[in-house]
Amino acid sequence: MAENSNWLNFLSNPRSHYIKKSMFEILKERYGKHEQILERLSSHLIVEKDLKDFLAMIIDVYEIGFFKAVEDQKEQLKKLGLGVKITSRTEN
């Protein structure tokens, strides 16, 4: 019976599965503690634009956090007298 309910939920909002899967890939072992809020959010993101906007926001948050961490580390190394230049793999 629960399996039929899950299938009906998926059919009523297939984007919900995509949101939860995407968040699982980002959060990994931390997904469980956020599952309930993701479940509630995903039931409201029913149009394609909402889904794209939500995922773009998550990517922005992730990117901002990454660059802040990099800058914080550069500052720490600078205090130790070390210069740091971060380049992409394609730069020579």
PDB file of N, CA and C in Angstrom:
ATOM      1  N   MET A   1       0.816  -1.194   0.000  1.00  0.00           N
ATOM      2  CA  MET A   1       0.000   0.000   0.000  1.00  0.00           C
ATOM      3  C   MET A   1       0.865   1.265   0.000  1.00  0.00           C
ATOM      4  N   ALA A   2       1.904   1.290   0.845  1.00  0.00           N
ATOM      5  CA  ALA A   2       2.796   2.458   0.894  1.00  0.00           C
ATOM      6  C   ALA A   2       3.498   2.657  -0.442  1.00  0.00           C
ATOM      7  N   GLU A   3       3.803   1.542  -1.118  1.00  0.00           N
ATOM      8  CA  GLU A   3       4.467   1.633  -2.417  1.00  0.00           C
ATOM      9  C   GLU A   3       3.560   2.324  -3.432  1.00  0.00           C
ATOM     10  N   ASN A   4       2.267   2.015  -3.418  1.00  0.00           N
ATOM     11  CA  ASN A   4       1.311   2.681  -4.316  1.00  0.00           C
ATOM     12  C   ASN A   4       1.207   4.162  -3.989  1.00  0.00           C
ATOM     13  N   SER A   5       1.230   4.499  -2.702  1.00  0.00           N
ATOM     14  CA  SER A   5       1.166   5.897  -2.281  1.00  0.00           C
ATOM     15  C   SER A   5       2.377   6.665  -2.783  1.00  0.00           C
ATOM     16  N   ASN A   6       3.570   6.071  -2.679  1.00  0.00           N
ATOM     17  CA  ASN A   6       4.788   6.714  -3.185  1.00  0.00           C
ATOM     18  C   ASN A   6       4.700   6.932  -4.689  1.00  0.00           C
ATOM     19  N   TRP A   7       4.173   5.957  -5.397  1.00  0.00           N
ATOM     20  CA  TRP A   7       4.043   6.062  -6.846  1.00  0.00           C
ATOM     21  C   TRP A   7       3.071   7.183  -7.214  1.00  0.00           C
ATOM     22  N   LEU A   8       1.954   7.280  -6.501  1.00  0.00           N
ATOM     23  CA  LEU A   8       0.986   8.344  -6.764  1.00  0.00           C
ATOM     24  C   LEU A   8       1.579   9.718  -6.443  1.00  0.00           C
ATOM     25  N   ASN A   9       2.356   9.813  -5.356  1.00  0.00           N
ATOM     26  CA  ASN A   9       3.022  11.076  -5.024  1.00  0.00           C
ATOM     27  C   ASN A   9       3.983  11.475  -6.135  1.00  0.00           C
ATOM     28  N   PHE A  10       4.722  10.507  -6.658  1.00  0.00           N
ATOM     29  CA  PHE A  10       5.660  10.787  -7.741  1.00  0.00           C
ATOM     30  C   PHE A  10       4.924  11.287  -8.984  1.00  0.00           C
ATOM     31  N   LEU A  11       3.830  10.639  -9.322  1.00  0.00           N
ATOM     32  CA  LEU A  11       3.070  11.040 -10.503  1.00  0.00           C
ATOM     33  C   LEU A  11       2.435  12.420 -10.337  1.00  0.00           C
ATOM     34  N   SER A  12       2.026  12.761  -9.112  1.00  0.00           N
ATOM     35  CA  SER A  12       1.389  14.059  -8.903  1.00  0.00           C
ATOM     36  C   SER A  12       2.403  15.201  -8.930  1.00  0.00           C
ATOM     37  N   ASN A  13       3.671  14.929  -8.597  1.00  0.00           N
ATOM     38  CA  ASN A  13       4.710  15.959  -8.641  1.00  0.00           C
ATOM     39  C   ASN A  13       6.069  15.303  -8.908  1.00  0.00           C
ATOM     40  N   PRO A  14       6.364  14.985 -10.172  1.00  0.00           N
ATOM     41  CA  PRO A  14       7.631  14.300 -10.481  1.00  0.00           C
ATOM     42  C   PRO A  14       8.856  15.157 -10.171  1.00  0.00           C
ATOM     43  N   ARG A  15       8.697  16.470 -10.097  1.00  0.00           N
ATOM     44  CA  ARG A  15       9.833  17.339  -9.773  1.00  0.00           C
ATOM     45  C   ARG A  15      10.294  17.140  -8.339  1.00  0.00           C
ATOM     46  N   SER A  16       9.393  16.724  -7.476  1.00  0.00           N
ATOM     47  CA  SER A  16       9.732  16.477  -6.076  1.00  0.00           C
ATOM     48  C   SER A  16      10.873  15.472  -5.971  1.00  0.00           C
ATOM     49  N   HIS A  17      10.788  14.401  -6.740  1.00  0.00           N
ATOM     50  CA  HIS A  17      11.840  13.383  -6.741  1.00  0.00           C
ATOM     51  C   HIS A  17      13.162  13.989  -7.216  1.00  0.00           C
ATOM     52  N   TYR A  18      13.106  14.809  -8.244  1.00  0.00           N
ATOM     53  CA  TYR A  18      14.313  15.436  -8.786  1.00  0.00           C
ATOM     54  C   TYR A  18      14.964  16.363  -7.756  1.00  0.00           C
ATOM     55  N   ILE A  19      14.139  17.162  -7.049  1.00  0.00           N
ATOM     56  CA  ILE A  19      14.666  18.057  -6.014  1.00  0.00           C
ATOM     57  C   ILE A  19      15.343  17.256  -4.916  1.00  0.00           C
ATOM     58  N   LYS A  20      14.672  16.235  -4.420  1.00  0.00           N
ATOM     59  CA  LYS A  20      15.235  15.434  -3.329  1.00  0.00           C
ATOM     60  C   LYS A  20      16.505  14.720  -3.779  1.00  0.00           C
ATOM     61  N   LYS A  21      16.514  14.208  -4.997  1.00  0.00           N
ATOM     62  CA  LYS A  21      17.701  13.533  -5.520  1.00  0.00           C
ATOM     63  C   LYS A  21      18.861  14.515  -5.648  1.00  0.00           C
ATOM     64  N   SER A  22      18.577  15.708  -6.163  1.00  0.00           N
ATOM     65  CA  SER A  22      19.620  16.727  -6.316  1.00  0.00           C
ATOM     66  C   SER A  22      20.190  17.135  -4.966  1.00  0.00           C
ATOM     67  N   MET A  23      19.314  17.328  -3.989  1.00  0.00           N
ATOM     68  CA  MET A  23      19.770  17.721  -2.661  1.00  0.00           C
ATOM     69  C   MET A  23      20.547  16.593  -1.989  1.00  0.00           C
ATOM     70  N   PHE A  24      20.152  15.348  -2.246  1.00  0.00           N
ATOM     71  CA  PHE A  24      20.889  14.211  -1.689  1.00  0.00           C
ATOM     72  C   PHE A  24      22.317  14.177  -2.240  1.00  0.00           C
ATOM     73  N   GLU A  25      22.461  14.481  -3.532  1.00  0.00           N
ATOM     74  CA  GLU A  25      23.792  14.478  -4.142  1.00  0.00           C
ATOM     75  C   GLU A  25      24.685  15.557  -3.541  1.00  0.00           C
ATOM     76  N   ILE A  26      24.095  16.692  -3.150  1.00  0.00           N
ATOM     77  CA  ILE A  26      24.871  17.774  -2.555  1.00  0.00           C
ATOM     78  C   ILE A  26      25.123  17.508  -1.071  1.00  0.00           C
ATOM     79  N   LEU A  27      24.080  17.128  -0.343  1.00  0.00           N
ATOM     80  CA  LEU A  27      24.168  17.005   1.109  1.00  0.00           C
ATOM     81  C   LEU A  27      24.769  15.685   1.587  1.00  0.00           C
ATOM     82  N   LYS A  28      24.649  14.658   0.787  1.00  0.00           N
ATOM     83  CA  LYS A  28      25.145  13.317   1.113  1.00  0.00           C
ATOM     84  C   LYS A  28      24.651  12.874   2.497  1.00  0.00           C
ATOM     85  N   GLU A  29      25.553  12.596   3.440  1.00  0.00           N
ATOM     86  CA  GLU A  29      25.151  12.045   4.739  1.00  0.00           C
ATOM     87  C   GLU A  29      24.341  13.035   5.576  1.00  0.00           C
ATOM     88  N   ARG A  30      24.327  14.294   5.223  1.00  0.00           N
ATOM     89  CA  ARG A  30      23.550  15.294   5.960  1.00  0.00           C
ATOM     90  C   ARG A  30      22.114  15.404   5.446  1.00  0.00           C
ATOM     91  N   TYR A  31      21.793  14.692   4.390  1.00  0.00           N
ATOM     92  CA  TYR A  31      20.460  14.780   3.781  1.00  0.00           C
ATOM     93  C   TYR A  31      19.354  14.439   4.782  1.00  0.00           C
ATOM     94  N   GLY A  32      19.557  13.418   5.568  1.00  0.00           N
ATOM     95  CA  GLY A  32      18.528  12.930   6.487  1.00  0.00           C
ATOM     96  C   GLY A  32      17.971  13.993   7.403  1.00  0.00           C
ATOM     97  N   LYS A  33      18.834  14.851   7.921  1.00  0.00           N
ATOM     98  CA  LYS A  33      18.335  15.861   8.855  1.00  0.00           C
ATOM     99  C   LYS A  33      17.560  16.973   8.148  1.00  0.00           C
ATOM    100  N   HIS A  34      17.601  17.027   6.819  1.00  0.00           N
ATOM    101  CA  HIS A  34      16.878  18.040   6.050  1.00  0.00           C
ATOM    102  C   HIS A  34      15.733  17.448   5.230  1.00  0.00           C
ATOM    103  N   GLU A  35      15.532  16.161   5.334  1.00  0.00           N
ATOM    104  CA  GLU A  35      14.559  15.486   4.474  1.00  0.00           C
ATOM    105  C   GLU A  35      13.137  16.022   4.640  1.00  0.00           C
ATOM    106  N   GLN A  36      12.717  16.283   5.860  1.00  0.00           N
ATOM    107  CA  GLN A  36      11.344  16.749   6.073  1.00  0.00           C
ATOM    108  C   GLN A  36      11.100  18.113   5.434  1.00  0.00           C
ATOM    109  N   ILE A  37      12.036  19.041   5.600  1.00  0.00           N
ATOM    110  CA  ILE A  37      11.836  20.367   5.005  1.00  0.00           C
ATOM    111  C   ILE A  37      11.896  20.284   3.473  1.00  0.00           C
ATOM    112  N   LEU A  38      12.765  19.416   2.950  1.00  0.00           N
ATOM    113  CA  LEU A  38      12.823  19.241   1.497  1.00  0.00           C
ATOM    114  C   LEU A  38      11.533  18.633   0.969  1.00  0.00           C
ATOM    115  N   GLU A  39      10.954  17.736   1.734  1.00  0.00           N
ATOM    116  CA  GLU A  39       9.678  17.130   1.347  1.00  0.00           C
ATOM    117  C   GLU A  39       8.592  18.202   1.265  1.00  0.00           C
ATOM    118  N   ARG A  40       8.530  19.069   2.267  1.00  0.00           N
ATOM    119  CA  ARG A  40       7.508  20.126   2.270  1.00  0.00           C
ATOM    120  C   ARG A  40       7.767  21.143   1.164  1.00  0.00           C
ATOM    121  N   LEU A  41       9.031  21.540   0.977  1.00  0.00           N
ATOM    122  CA  LEU A  41       9.357  22.496  -0.083  1.00  0.00           C
ATOM    123  C   LEU A  41       9.032  21.934  -1.462  1.00  0.00           C
ATOM    124  N   SER A  42       9.412  20.698  -1.674  1.00  0.00           N
ATOM    125  CA  SER A  42       9.255  20.116  -3.010  1.00  0.00           C
ATOM    126  C   SER A  42       7.793  19.996  -3.416  1.00  0.00           C
ATOM    127  N   SER A  43       6.892  19.921  -2.448  1.00  0.00           N
ATOM    128  CA  SER A  43       5.473  19.838  -2.813  1.00  0.00           C
ATOM    129  C   SER A  43       4.953  21.177  -3.337  1.00  0.00           C
ATOM    130  N   HIS A  44       5.692  22.270  -3.108  1.00  0.00           N
ATOM    131  CA  HIS A  44       5.276  23.586  -3.579  1.00  0.00           C
ATOM    132  C   HIS A  44       5.996  24.023  -4.856  1.00  0.00           C
ATOM    133  N   LEU A  45       7.038  23.349  -5.210  1.00  0.00           N
ATOM    134  CA  LEU A  45       7.792  23.691  -6.418  1.00  0.00           C
ATOM    135  C   LEU A  45       7.283  22.828  -7.563  1.00  0.00           C
ATOM    136  N   ILE A  46       6.138  23.207  -8.091  1.00  0.00           N
ATOM    137  CA  ILE A  46       5.471  22.320  -9.056  1.00  0.00           C
ATOM    138  C   ILE A  46       5.642  22.743 -10.503  1.00  0.00           C
ATOM    139  N   VAL A  47       6.094  23.980 -10.739  1.00  0.00           N
ATOM    140  CA  VAL A  47       6.312  24.398 -12.122  1.00  0.00           C
ATOM    141  C   VAL A  47       7.810  24.418 -12.407  1.00  0.00           C
ATOM    142  N   GLU A  48       8.149  24.251 -13.641  1.00  0.00           N
ATOM    143  CA  GLU A  48       9.554  24.143 -14.067  1.00  0.00           C
ATOM    144  C   GLU A  48      10.389  25.349 -13.634  1.00  0.00           C
ATOM    145  N   LYS A  49       9.838  26.553 -13.750  1.00  0.00           N
ATOM    146  CA  LYS A  49      10.579  27.760 -13.380  1.00  0.00           C
ATOM    147  C   LYS A  49      10.917  27.766 -11.886  1.00  0.00           C
ATOM    148  N   ASP A  50       9.967  27.355 -11.049  1.00  0.00           N
ATOM    149  CA  ASP A  50      10.236  27.287  -9.605  1.00  0.00           C
ATOM    150  C   ASP A  50      11.387  26.332  -9.311  1.00  0.00           C
ATOM    151  N   LEU A  51      11.373  25.196  -9.973  1.00  0.00           N
ATOM    152  CA  LEU A  51      12.428  24.203  -9.778  1.00  0.00           C
ATOM    153  C   LEU A  51      13.783  24.775 -10.185  1.00  0.00           C
ATOM    154  N   LYS A  52      13.850  25.387 -11.358  1.00  0.00           N
ATOM    155  CA  LYS A  52      15.112  25.964 -11.837  1.00  0.00           C
ATOM    156  C   LYS A  52      15.595  27.078 -10.913  1.00  0.00           C
ATOM    157  N   ASP A  53      14.664  27.941 -10.469  1.00  0.00           N
ATOM    158  CA  ASP A  53      15.038  29.037  -9.578  1.00  0.00           C
ATOM    159  C   ASP A  53      15.534  28.516  -8.229  1.00  0.00           C
ATOM    160  N   PHE A  54      14.879  27.505  -7.701  1.00  0.00           N
ATOM    161  CA  PHE A  54      15.295  26.918  -6.426  1.00  0.00           C
ATOM    162  C   PHE A  54      16.691  26.316  -6.525  1.00  0.00           C
ATOM    163  N   LEU A  55      16.918  25.526  -7.559  1.00  0.00           N
ATOM    164  CA  LEU A  55      18.235  24.905  -7.720  1.00  0.00           C
ATOM    165  C   LEU A  55      19.316  25.940  -8.005  1.00  0.00           C
ATOM    166  N   ALA A  56      18.988  27.004  -8.731  1.00  0.00           N
ATOM    167  CA  ALA A  56      19.951  28.084  -8.968  1.00  0.00           C
ATOM    168  C   ALA A  56      20.316  28.757  -7.648  1.00  0.00           C
ATOM    169  N   MET A  57      19.334  28.935  -6.771  1.00  0.00           N
ATOM    170  CA  MET A  57      19.606  29.521  -5.465  1.00  0.00           C
ATOM    171  C   MET A  57      20.526  28.622  -4.640  1.00  0.00           C
ATOM    172  N   ILE A  58      20.272  27.335  -4.654  1.00  0.00           N
ATOM    173  CA  ILE A  58      21.114  26.394  -3.904  1.00  0.00           C
ATOM    174  C   ILE A  58      22.541  26.425  -4.448  1.00  0.00           C
ATOM    175  N   ILE A  59      22.699  26.472  -5.753  1.00  0.00           N
ATOM    176  CA  ILE A  59      24.031  26.538  -6.360  1.00  0.00           C
ATOM    177  C   ILE A  59      24.723  27.835  -5.962  1.00  0.00           C
ATOM    178  N   ASP A  60      23.987  28.949  -5.938  1.00  0.00           N
ATOM    179  CA  ASP A  60      24.571  30.223  -5.505  1.00  0.00           C
ATOM    180  C   ASP A  60      25.063  30.143  -4.065  1.00  0.00           C
ATOM    181  N   VAL A  61      24.256  29.576  -3.180  1.00  0.00           N
ATOM    182  CA  VAL A  61      24.649  29.441  -1.775  1.00  0.00           C
ATOM    183  C   VAL A  61      25.907  28.576  -1.660  1.00  0.00           C
ATOM    184  N   TYR A  62      25.923  27.478  -2.377  1.00  0.00           N
ATOM    185  CA  TYR A  62      27.075  26.571  -2.375  1.00  0.00           C
ATOM    186  C   TYR A  62      28.331  27.284  -2.880  1.00  0.00           C
ATOM    187  N   GLU A  63      28.191  28.018  -3.975  1.00  0.00           N
ATOM    188  CA  GLU A  63      29.321  28.721  -4.581  1.00  0.00           C
ATOM    189  C   GLU A  63      29.842  29.837  -3.666  1.00  0.00           C
ATOM    190  N   ILE A  64      28.937  30.600  -3.080  1.00  0.00           N
ATOM    191  CA  ILE A  64      29.342  31.664  -2.167  1.00  0.00           C
ATOM    192  C   ILE A  64      30.096  31.091  -0.973  1.00  0.00           C
ATOM    193  N   GLY A  65      29.599  30.003  -0.422  1.00  0.00           N
ATOM    194  CA  GLY A  65      30.279  29.346   0.699  1.00  0.00           C
ATOM    195  C   GLY A  65      31.662  28.860   0.311  1.00  0.00           C
ATOM    196  N   PHE A  66      31.781  28.303  -0.870  1.00  0.00           N
ATOM    197  CA  PHE A  66      33.070  27.809  -1.344  1.00  0.00           C
ATOM    198  C   PHE A  66      34.075  28.952  -1.476  1.00  0.00           C
ATOM    199  N   PHE A  67      33.665  30.025  -2.146  1.00  0.00           N
ATOM    200  CA  PHE A  67      34.589  31.144  -2.348  1.00  0.00           C
ATOM    201  C   PHE A  67      34.935  31.839  -1.036  1.00  0.00           C
ATOM    202  N   LYS A  68      34.003  31.895  -0.104  1.00  0.00           N
ATOM    203  CA  LYS A  68      34.307  32.472   1.200  1.00  0.00           C
ATOM    204  C   LYS A  68      35.345  31.621   1.918  1.00  0.00           C
ATOM    205  N   ALA A  69      35.198  30.312   1.866  1.00  0.00           N
ATOM    206  CA  ALA A  69      36.167  29.417   2.502  1.00  0.00           C
ATOM    207  C   ALA A  69      37.548  29.584   1.872  1.00  0.00           C
ATOM    208  N   VAL A  70      37.599  29.707   0.564  1.00  0.00           N
ATOM    209  CA  VAL A  70      38.880  29.903  -0.128  1.00  0.00           C
ATOM    210  C   VAL A  70      39.517  31.216   0.313  1.00  0.00           C
ATOM    211  N   GLU A  71      38.721  32.285   0.337  1.00  0.00           N
ATOM    212  CA  GLU A  71      39.250  33.595   0.748  1.00  0.00           C
ATOM    213  C   GLU A  71      39.720  33.570   2.198  1.00  0.00           C
ATOM    214  N   ASP A  72      38.973  32.912   3.070  1.00  0.00           N
ATOM    215  CA  ASP A  72      39.385  32.797   4.475  1.00  0.00           C
ATOM    216  C   ASP A  72      40.729  32.085   4.595  1.00  0.00           C
ATOM    217  N   GLN A  73      40.914  31.027   3.818  1.00  0.00           N
ATOM    218  CA  GLN A  73      42.182  30.290   3.855  1.00  0.00           C
ATOM    219  C   GLN A  73      43.322  31.144   3.295  1.00  0.00           C
ATOM    220  N   LYS A  74      43.050  31.901   2.245  1.00  0.00           N
ATOM    221  CA  LYS A  74      44.074  32.778   1.681  1.00  0.00           C
ATOM    222  C   LYS A  74      44.511  33.812   2.720  1.00  0.00           C
ATOM    223  N   GLU A  75      43.553  34.354   3.469  1.00  0.00           N
ATOM    224  CA  GLU A  75      43.874  35.340   4.505  1.00  0.00           C
ATOM    225  C   GLU A  75      44.733  34.720   5.605  1.00  0.00           C
ATOM    226  N   GLN A  76      44.394  33.508   5.996  1.00  0.00           N
ATOM    227  CA  GLN A  76      45.176  32.818   7.032  1.00  0.00           C
ATOM    228  C   GLN A  76      46.607  32.581   6.561  1.00  0.00           C
ATOM    229  N   LEU A  77      46.761  32.161   5.334  1.00  0.00           N
ATOM    230  CA  LEU A  77      48.097  31.922   4.784  1.00  0.00           C
ATOM    231  C   LEU A  77      48.862  33.230   4.612  1.00  0.00           C
ATOM    232  N   LYS A  78      48.151  34.288   4.259  1.00  0.00           N
ATOM    233  CA  LYS A  78      48.787  35.601   4.109  1.00  0.00           C
ATOM    234  C   LYS A  78      49.351  36.064   5.450  1.00  0.00           C
ATOM    235  N   LYS A  79      48.635  35.818   6.536  1.00  0.00           N
ATOM    236  CA  LYS A  79      49.115  36.172   7.873  1.00  0.00           C
ATOM    237  C   LYS A  79      50.395  35.423   8.227  1.00  0.00           C
ATOM    238  N   LEU A  80      50.563  34.269   7.632  1.00  0.00           N
ATOM    239  CA  LEU A  80      51.778  33.480   7.855  1.00  0.00           C
ATOM    240  C   LEU A  80      52.884  33.862   6.885  1.00  0.00           C
ATOM    241  N   GLY A  81      52.616  34.832   6.026  1.00  0.00           N
ATOM    242  CA  GLY A  81      53.614  35.293   5.080  1.00  0.00           C
ATOM    243  C   GLY A  81      53.663  34.501   3.786  1.00  0.00           C
ATOM    244  N   LEU A  82      52.614  33.745   3.511  1.00  0.00           N
ATOM    245  CA  LEU A  82      52.574  32.933   2.291  1.00  0.00           C
ATOM    246  C   LEU A  82      51.609  33.548   1.290  1.00  0.00           C
ATOM    247  N   GLY A  83      52.049  33.673   0.059  1.00  0.00           N
ATOM    248  CA  GLY A  83      51.181  34.159  -1.007  1.00  0.00           C
ATOM    249  C   GLY A  83      50.496  32.983  -1.678  1.00  0.00           C
ATOM    250  N   VAL A  84      49.254  33.167  -2.040  1.00  0.00           N
ATOM    251  CA  VAL A  84      48.493  32.085  -2.658  1.00  0.00           C
ATOM    252  C   VAL A  84      47.836  32.607  -3.925  1.00  0.00           C
ATOM    253  N   LYS A  85      47.947  31.832  -4.989  1.00  0.00           N
ATOM    254  CA  LYS A  85      47.231  32.129  -6.221  1.00  0.00           C
ATOM    255  C   LYS A  85      46.509  30.857  -6.634  1.00  0.00           C
ATOM    256  N   ILE A  86      45.220  30.959  -6.754  1.00  0.00           N
ATOM    257  CA  ILE A  86      44.412  29.801  -7.124  1.00  0.00           C
ATOM    258  C   ILE A  86      44.044  29.931  -8.591  1.00  0.00           C
ATOM    259  N   THR A  87      44.332  28.900  -9.347  1.00  0.00           N
ATOM    260  CA  THR A  87      44.018  28.888 -10.777  1.00  0.00           C
ATOM    261  C   THR A  87      43.224  27.638 -11.095  1.00  0.00           C
ATOM    262  N   SER A  88      42.564  27.667 -12.223  1.00  0.00           N
ATOM    263  CA  SER A  88      41.838  26.474 -12.664  1.00  0.00           C
ATOM    264  C   SER A  88      42.834  25.495 -13.287  1.00  0.00           C
ATOM    265  N   ARG A  89      42.395  24.303 -13.483  1.00  0.00           N
ATOM    266  CA  ARG A  89      43.254  23.276 -14.076  1.00  0.00           C
ATOM    267  C   ARG A  89      43.639  23.618 -15.507  1.00  0.00           C
ATOM    268  N   THR A  90      42.807  24.387 -16.176  1.00  0.00           N
ATOM    269  CA  THR A  90      43.086  24.700 -17.593  1.00  0.00           C
ATOM    270  C   THR A  90      44.043  25.874 -17.768  1.00  0.00           C
ATOM    271  N   GLU A  91      44.236  26.660 -16.683  1.00  0.00           N
ATOM    272  CA  GLU A  91      45.185  27.773 -16.780  1.00  0.00           C
ATOM    273  C   GLU A  91      46.609  27.263 -16.668  1.00  0.00           C
ATOM    274  N   ASN A  92      47.529  27.891 -17.403  1.00  0.00           N
ATOM    275  CA  ASN A  92      48.935  27.487 -17.333  1.00  0.00           C
ATOM    276  C   ASN A  92      49.756  28.576 -16.695  1.00  0.00           C
TER     277      ASN A  92
END
